PDB file of all heavy atoms in Angstrom:
ATOM      1  N   GLU A   1      -9.162   7.602  21.919  1.00  0.00           N
ATOM      2  CA  GLU A   1      -9.373   6.307  22.324  1.00  0.00           C
ATOM      3  C   GLU A   1      -9.176   5.364  21.048  1.00  0.00           C
ATOM      4  O   GLU A   1      -9.416   4.166  21.087  1.00  0.00           O
ATOM      5  CB  GLU A   1     -10.788   6.101  22.922  1.00  0.00           C
ATOM      6  CG  GLU A   1     -10.995   6.764  24.183  1.00  0.00           C
ATOM      7  CD  GLU A   1     -12.484   6.702  24.664  1.00  0.00           C
ATOM      8  OE1 GLU A   1     -13.294   7.523  24.148  1.00  0.00           O
ATOM      9  OE2 GLU A   1     -12.723   5.828  25.462  1.00  0.00           O
ATOM     10  N   ILE A   2      -8.852   5.903  19.859  1.00  0.00           N
ATOM     11  CA  ILE A   2      -8.750   5.287  18.679  1.00  0.00           C
ATOM     12  C   ILE A   2      -7.353   5.255  18.140  1.00  0.00           C
ATOM     13  O   ILE A   2      -6.756   6.246  18.062  1.00  0.00           O
ATOM     14  CB  ILE A   2      -9.765   5.867  17.635  1.00  0.00           C
ATOM     15  CG1 ILE A   2     -11.185   5.828  18.140  1.00  0.00           C
ATOM     16  CG2 ILE A   2      -9.687   5.016  16.409  1.00  0.00           C
ATOM     17  CD1 ILE A   2     -12.106   6.713  17.285  1.00  0.00           C
ATOM     18  N   ALA A   3      -6.864   4.059  17.738  1.00  0.00           N
ATOM     19  CA  ALA A   3      -5.649   4.001  17.070  1.00  0.00           C
ATOM     20  C   ALA A   3      -5.924   3.638  15.602  1.00  0.00           C
ATOM     21  O   ALA A   3      -7.083   3.153  15.220  1.00  0.00           O
ATOM     22  CB  ALA A   3      -4.704   2.881  17.628  1.00  0.00           C
ATOM     23  N   GLY A   4      -5.012   3.872  14.668  1.00  0.00           N
ATOM     24  CA  GLY A   4      -5.236   3.735  13.204  1.00  0.00           C
ATOM     25  C   GLY A   4      -4.226   2.681  12.626  1.00  0.00           C
ATOM     26  O   GLY A   4      -3.034   2.788  12.952  1.00  0.00           O
ATOM     27  N   VAL A   5      -4.634   1.770  11.809  1.00  0.00           N
ATOM     28  CA  VAL A   5      -3.729   0.882  11.186  1.00  0.00           C
ATOM     29  C   VAL A   5      -3.974   0.822   9.674  1.00  0.00           C
ATOM     30  O   VAL A   5      -5.129   0.570   9.260  1.00  0.00           O
ATOM     31  CB  VAL A   5      -3.755  -0.572  11.723  1.00  0.00           C
ATOM     32  CG1 VAL A   5      -2.987  -1.525  11.005  1.00  0.00           C
ATOM     33  CG2 VAL A   5      -3.416  -0.596  13.222  1.00  0.00           C
ATOM     34  N   VAL A   6      -3.007   0.799   8.874  1.00  0.00           N
ATOM     35  CA  VAL A   6      -2.987   0.667   7.448  1.00  0.00           C
ATOM     36  C   VAL A   6      -2.808  -0.760   7.103  1.00  0.00           C
ATOM     37  O   VAL A   6      -1.747  -1.275   7.371  1.00  0.00           O
ATOM     38  CB  VAL A   6      -2.036   1.551   6.651  1.00  0.00           C
ATOM     39  CG1 VAL A   6      -2.082   1.355   5.181  1.00  0.00           C
ATOM     40  CG2 VAL A   6      -2.142   3.062   7.088  1.00  0.00           C
ATOM     41  N   LEU A   7      -3.764  -1.430   6.381  1.00  0.00           N
ATOM     42  CA  LEU A   7      -3.539  -2.799   6.030  1.00  0.00           C
ATOM     43  C   LEU A   7      -2.799  -2.851   4.670  1.00  0.00           C
ATOM     44  O   LEU A   7      -3.286  -2.481   3.680  1.00  0.00           O
ATOM     45  CB  LEU A   7      -4.994  -3.452   5.841  1.00  0.00           C
ATOM     46  CG  LEU A   7      -5.850  -3.376   7.161  1.00  0.00           C
ATOM     47  CD1 LEU A   7      -7.261  -4.079   6.671  1.00  0.00           C
ATOM     48  CD2 LEU A   7      -5.253  -4.195   8.280  1.00  0.00           C
ATOM     49  N   ALA A   8      -1.554  -3.286   4.760  1.00  0.00           N
ATOM     50  CA  ALA A   8      -0.667  -3.312   3.623  1.00  0.00           C
ATOM     51  C   ALA A   8      -0.010  -4.641   3.423  1.00  0.00           C
ATOM     52  O   ALA A   8       1.001  -4.686   2.854  1.00  0.00           O
ATOM     53  CB  ALA A   8       0.345  -2.202   3.683  1.00  0.00           C
ATOM     54  N   GLY A   9      -0.631  -5.662   3.880  1.00  0.00           N
ATOM     55  CA  GLY A   9       0.026  -7.042   3.820  1.00  0.00           C
ATOM     56  C   GLY A   9      -0.564  -7.929   2.771  1.00  0.00           C
ATOM     57  O   GLY A   9      -0.194  -9.195   2.747  1.00  0.00           O
ATOM     58  N   GLY A  10      -1.209  -7.424   1.792  1.00  0.00           N
ATOM     59  CA  GLY A  10      -1.814  -8.241   0.746  1.00  0.00           C
ATOM     60  C   GLY A  10      -0.780  -8.724  -0.361  1.00  0.00           C
ATOM     61  O   GLY A  10       0.338  -8.310  -0.321  1.00  0.00           O
ATOM     62  N   ARG A  11      -1.240  -9.656  -1.245  1.00  0.00           N
ATOM     63  CA  ARG A  11      -0.339 -10.270  -2.122  1.00  0.00           C
ATOM     64  C   ARG A  11       0.003  -9.348  -3.262  1.00  0.00           C
ATOM     65  O   ARG A  11       1.026  -9.519  -4.044  1.00  0.00           O
ATOM     66  CB  ARG A  11      -0.949 -11.568  -2.604  1.00  0.00           C
ATOM     67  CG  ARG A  11      -1.173 -12.654  -1.510  1.00  0.00           C
ATOM     68  CD  ARG A  11      -1.810 -13.770  -2.159  1.00  0.00           C
ATOM     69  NE  ARG A  11      -2.054 -14.866  -1.152  1.00  0.00           N
ATOM     70  CZ  ARG A  11      -1.258 -15.813  -0.805  1.00  0.00           C
ATOM     71  NH1 ARG A  11      -0.144 -15.838  -1.260  1.00  0.00           N
ATOM     72  NH2 ARG A  11      -1.611 -16.743   0.016  1.00  0.00           N
ATOM     73  N   SER A  12      -0.813  -8.420  -3.625  1.00  0.00           N
ATOM     74  CA  SER A  12      -0.630  -7.527  -4.791  1.00  0.00           C
ATOM     75  C   SER A  12      -0.403  -8.259  -6.176  1.00  0.00           C
ATOM     76  O   SER A  12       0.296  -7.767  -6.956  1.00  0.00           O
ATOM     77  CB  SER A  12       0.619  -6.581  -4.505  1.00  0.00           C
ATOM     78  OG  SER A  12       0.423  -5.767  -3.266  1.00  0.00           O
ATOM     79  N   GLN A  13      -1.017  -9.335  -6.251  1.00  0.00           N
ATOM     80  CA  GLN A  13      -0.874 -10.168  -7.427  1.00  0.00           C
ATOM     81  C   GLN A  13      -1.247  -9.441  -8.706  1.00  0.00           C
ATOM     82  O   GLN A  13      -0.540  -9.674  -9.797  1.00  0.00           O
ATOM     83  CB  GLN A  13      -1.674 -11.429  -7.305  1.00  0.00           C
ATOM     84  CG  GLN A  13      -1.084 -12.364  -6.279  1.00  0.00           C
ATOM     85  CD  GLN A  13      -1.917 -13.672  -6.050  1.00  0.00           C
ATOM     86  OE1 GLN A  13      -3.210 -13.565  -6.065  1.00  0.00           O
ATOM     87  NE2 GLN A  13      -1.280 -14.809  -5.978  1.00  0.00           N
ATOM     88  N   ARG A  14      -2.300  -8.799  -8.748  1.00  0.00           N
ATOM     89  CA  ARG A  14      -2.764  -8.090 -10.020  1.00  0.00           C
ATOM     90  C   ARG A  14      -1.917  -6.909 -10.386  1.00  0.00           C
ATOM     91  O   ARG A  14      -1.876  -6.501 -11.562  1.00  0.00           O
ATOM     92  CB  ARG A  14      -4.305  -7.728  -9.929  1.00  0.00           C
ATOM     93  CG  ARG A  14      -5.203  -8.862  -9.767  1.00  0.00           C
ATOM     94  CD  ARG A  14      -6.503  -8.468  -9.430  1.00  0.00           C
ATOM     95  NE  ARG A  14      -7.209  -7.613 -10.185  1.00  0.00           N
ATOM     96  CZ  ARG A  14      -8.288  -6.870  -9.987  1.00  0.00           C
ATOM     97  NH1 ARG A  14      -8.962  -7.166  -8.896  1.00  0.00           N
ATOM     98  NH2 ARG A  14      -8.941  -6.071 -10.992  1.00  0.00           N
ATOM     99  N   MET A  15      -1.318  -6.312  -9.309  1.00  0.00           N
ATOM    100  CA  MET A  15      -0.416  -5.204  -9.682  1.00  0.00           C
ATOM    101  C   MET A  15       0.999  -5.607 -10.169  1.00  0.00           C
ATOM    102  O   MET A  15       1.569  -4.857 -10.975  1.00  0.00           O
ATOM    103  CB  MET A  15      -0.194  -4.408  -8.344  1.00  0.00           C
ATOM    104  CG  MET A  15       0.732  -3.065  -8.477  1.00  0.00           C
ATOM    105  SD  MET A  15       0.093  -1.927  -9.565  1.00  0.00           S
ATOM    106  CE  MET A  15      -1.255  -1.201  -8.537  1.00  0.00           C
ATOM    107  N   GLY A  16       1.392  -6.896  -9.769  1.00  0.00           N
ATOM    108  CA  GLY A  16       2.587  -7.225 -10.275  1.00  0.00           C
ATOM    109  C   GLY A  16       3.843  -6.938  -9.298  1.00  0.00           C
ATOM    110  O   GLY A  16       5.011  -7.519  -9.460  1.00  0.00           O
ATOM    111  N   HIS A  17       3.607  -6.072  -8.353  1.00  0.00           N
ATOM    112  CA  HIS A  17       4.537  -5.732  -7.375  1.00  0.00           C
ATOM    113  C   HIS A  17       3.892  -5.144  -6.027  1.00  0.00           C
ATOM    114  O   HIS A  17       2.732  -4.954  -6.191  1.00  0.00           O
ATOM    115  CB  HIS A  17       5.585  -4.723  -8.002  1.00  0.00           C
ATOM    116  CG  HIS A  17       4.974  -3.504  -8.441  1.00  0.00           C
ATOM    117  ND1 HIS A  17       4.630  -2.443  -7.598  1.00  0.00           N
ATOM    118  CD2 HIS A  17       4.519  -3.184  -9.750  1.00  0.00           C
ATOM    119  CE1 HIS A  17       4.216  -1.434  -8.428  1.00  0.00           C
ATOM    120  NE2 HIS A  17       3.968  -1.854  -9.652  1.00  0.00           N
ATOM    121  N   ASP A  18       4.582  -4.882  -5.023  1.00  0.00           N
ATOM    122  CA  ASP A  18       4.055  -4.482  -3.807  1.00  0.00           C
ATOM    123  C   ASP A  18       3.320  -3.180  -4.034  1.00  0.00           C
ATOM    124  O   ASP A  18       3.895  -2.120  -4.412  1.00  0.00           O
ATOM    125  CB  ASP A  18       5.169  -4.336  -2.838  1.00  0.00           C
ATOM    126  CG  ASP A  18       4.568  -3.792  -1.394  1.00  0.00           C
ATOM    127  OD1 ASP A  18       3.459  -4.119  -1.109  1.00  0.00           O
ATOM    128  OD2 ASP A  18       5.288  -3.066  -0.827  1.00  0.00           O
ATOM    129  N   LYS A  19       1.958  -3.098  -3.674  1.00  0.00           N
ATOM    130  CA  LYS A  19       1.119  -1.892  -4.008  1.00  0.00           C
ATOM    131  C   LYS A  19       1.687  -0.842  -2.993  1.00  0.00           C
ATOM    132  O   LYS A  19       1.603   0.353  -3.364  1.00  0.00           O
ATOM    133  CB  LYS A  19      -0.280  -2.224  -3.758  1.00  0.00           C
ATOM    134  CG  LYS A  19      -0.921  -2.927  -4.959  1.00  0.00           C
ATOM    135  CD  LYS A  19      -2.390  -2.924  -4.791  1.00  0.00           C
ATOM    136  CE  LYS A  19      -2.954  -3.906  -3.793  1.00  0.00           C
ATOM    137  NZ  LYS A  19      -4.407  -4.121  -3.889  1.00  0.00           N
ATOM    138  N   ALA A  20       2.096  -1.178  -1.842  1.00  0.00           N
ATOM    139  CA  ALA A  20       2.401  -0.114  -0.858  1.00  0.00           C
ATOM    140  C   ALA A  20       3.469   0.928  -1.387  1.00  0.00           C
ATOM    141  O   ALA A  20       3.456   2.064  -1.045  1.00  0.00           O
ATOM    142  CB  ALA A  20       2.777  -0.720   0.534  1.00  0.00           C
ATOM    143  N   GLY A  21       4.402   0.370  -2.106  1.00  0.00           N
ATOM    144  CA  GLY A  21       5.512   1.184  -2.649  1.00  0.00           C
ATOM    145  C   GLY A  21       5.260   1.735  -4.025  1.00  0.00           C
ATOM    146  O   GLY A  21       6.120   2.474  -4.458  1.00  0.00           O
ATOM    147  N   ALA A  22       4.067   1.419  -4.535  1.00  0.00           N
ATOM    148  CA  ALA A  22       3.795   2.039  -5.960  1.00  0.00           C
ATOM    149  C   ALA A  22       3.634   3.546  -5.784  1.00  0.00           C
ATOM    150  O   ALA A  22       3.106   4.132  -4.811  1.00  0.00           O
ATOM    151  CB  ALA A  22       2.515   1.468  -6.504  1.00  0.00           C
ATOM    152  N   MET A  23       4.182   4.256  -6.822  1.00  0.00           N
ATOM    153  CA  MET A  23       4.259   5.740  -6.740  1.00  0.00           C
ATOM    154  C   MET A  23       2.997   6.337  -7.391  1.00  0.00           C
ATOM    155  O   MET A  23       2.567   6.010  -8.479  1.00  0.00           O
ATOM    156  CB  MET A  23       5.472   6.339  -7.382  1.00  0.00           C
ATOM    157  CG  MET A  23       6.748   5.841  -6.765  1.00  0.00           C
ATOM    158  SD  MET A  23       7.029   6.325  -5.118  1.00  0.00           S
ATOM    159  CE  MET A  23       7.066   8.084  -5.225  1.00  0.00           C
ATOM    160  N   LEU A  24       2.333   7.253  -6.597  1.00  0.00           N
ATOM    161  CA  LEU A  24       1.158   8.064  -7.063  1.00  0.00           C
ATOM    162  C   LEU A  24       1.673   9.459  -6.917  1.00  0.00           C
ATOM    163  O   LEU A  24       1.681   9.966  -5.842  1.00  0.00           O
ATOM    164  CB  LEU A  24      -0.029   7.668  -6.147  1.00  0.00           C
ATOM    165  CG  LEU A  24      -1.290   8.520  -6.618  1.00  0.00           C
ATOM    166  CD1 LEU A  24      -1.744   8.309  -7.897  1.00  0.00           C
ATOM    167  CD2 LEU A  24      -2.402   8.187  -5.595  1.00  0.00           C
ATOM    168  N   GLY A  25       1.925  10.132  -8.065  1.00  0.00           N
ATOM    169  CA  GLY A  25       2.420  11.449  -8.001  1.00  0.00           C
ATOM    170  C   GLY A  25       3.871  11.365  -7.453  1.00  0.00           C
ATOM    171  O   GLY A  25       4.627  10.399  -7.832  1.00  0.00           O
ATOM    172  N   ALA A  26       4.163  12.134  -6.525  1.00  0.00           N
ATOM    173  CA  ALA A  26       5.557  12.132  -5.937  1.00  0.00           C
ATOM    174  C   ALA A  26       5.661  11.214  -4.805  1.00  0.00           C
ATOM    175  O   ALA A  26       6.801  11.198  -4.187  1.00  0.00           O
ATOM    176  CB  ALA A  26       5.970  13.516  -5.642  1.00  0.00           C
ATOM    177  N   GLU A  27       4.598  10.586  -4.278  1.00  0.00           N
ATOM    178  CA  GLU A  27       4.655   9.751  -3.012  1.00  0.00           C
ATOM    179  C   GLU A  27       4.122   8.323  -3.235  1.00  0.00           C
ATOM    180  O   GLU A  27       3.410   8.153  -4.169  1.00  0.00           O
ATOM    181  CB  GLU A  27       3.874  10.528  -1.944  1.00  0.00           C
ATOM    182  CG  GLU A  27       4.438  11.751  -1.572  1.00  0.00           C
ATOM    183  CD  GLU A  27       3.577  12.446  -0.393  1.00  0.00           C
ATOM    184  OE1 GLU A  27       2.375  12.349  -0.491  1.00  0.00           O
ATOM    185  OE2 GLU A  27       4.186  13.072   0.452  1.00  0.00           O
ATOM    186  N   SER A  28       4.549   7.459  -2.439  1.00  0.00           N
ATOM    187  CA  SER A  28       4.087   6.069  -2.476  1.00  0.00           C
ATOM    188  C   SER A  28       2.641   6.044  -2.166  1.00  0.00           C
ATOM    189  O   SER A  28       2.103   6.952  -1.289  1.00  0.00           O
ATOM    190  CB  SER A  28       4.959   5.168  -1.678  1.00  0.00           C
ATOM    191  OG  SER A  28       4.747   5.457  -0.223  1.00  0.00           O
ATOM    192  N   LEU A  29       1.921   5.003  -2.408  1.00  0.00           N
ATOM    193  CA  LEU A  29       0.600   4.790  -1.928  1.00  0.00           C
ATOM    194  C   LEU A  29       0.535   4.751  -0.443  1.00  0.00           C
ATOM    195  O   LEU A  29      -0.263   5.372   0.268  1.00  0.00           O
ATOM    196  CB  LEU A  29       0.045   3.513  -2.544  1.00  0.00           C
ATOM    197  CG  LEU A  29      -0.494   3.499  -3.928  1.00  0.00           C
ATOM    198  CD1 LEU A  29      -1.121   2.153  -4.295  1.00  0.00           C
ATOM    199  CD2 LEU A  29      -1.555   4.583  -4.200  1.00  0.00           C
TER     200      LEU A  29
END
């Protein structure tokens, strides 16, 4: 009865680029 949603629409200002695509190890966040 539960769906899941990743919140990835933030500004990422402190990162300097889109956090969702930042690489951690061999995969994106």
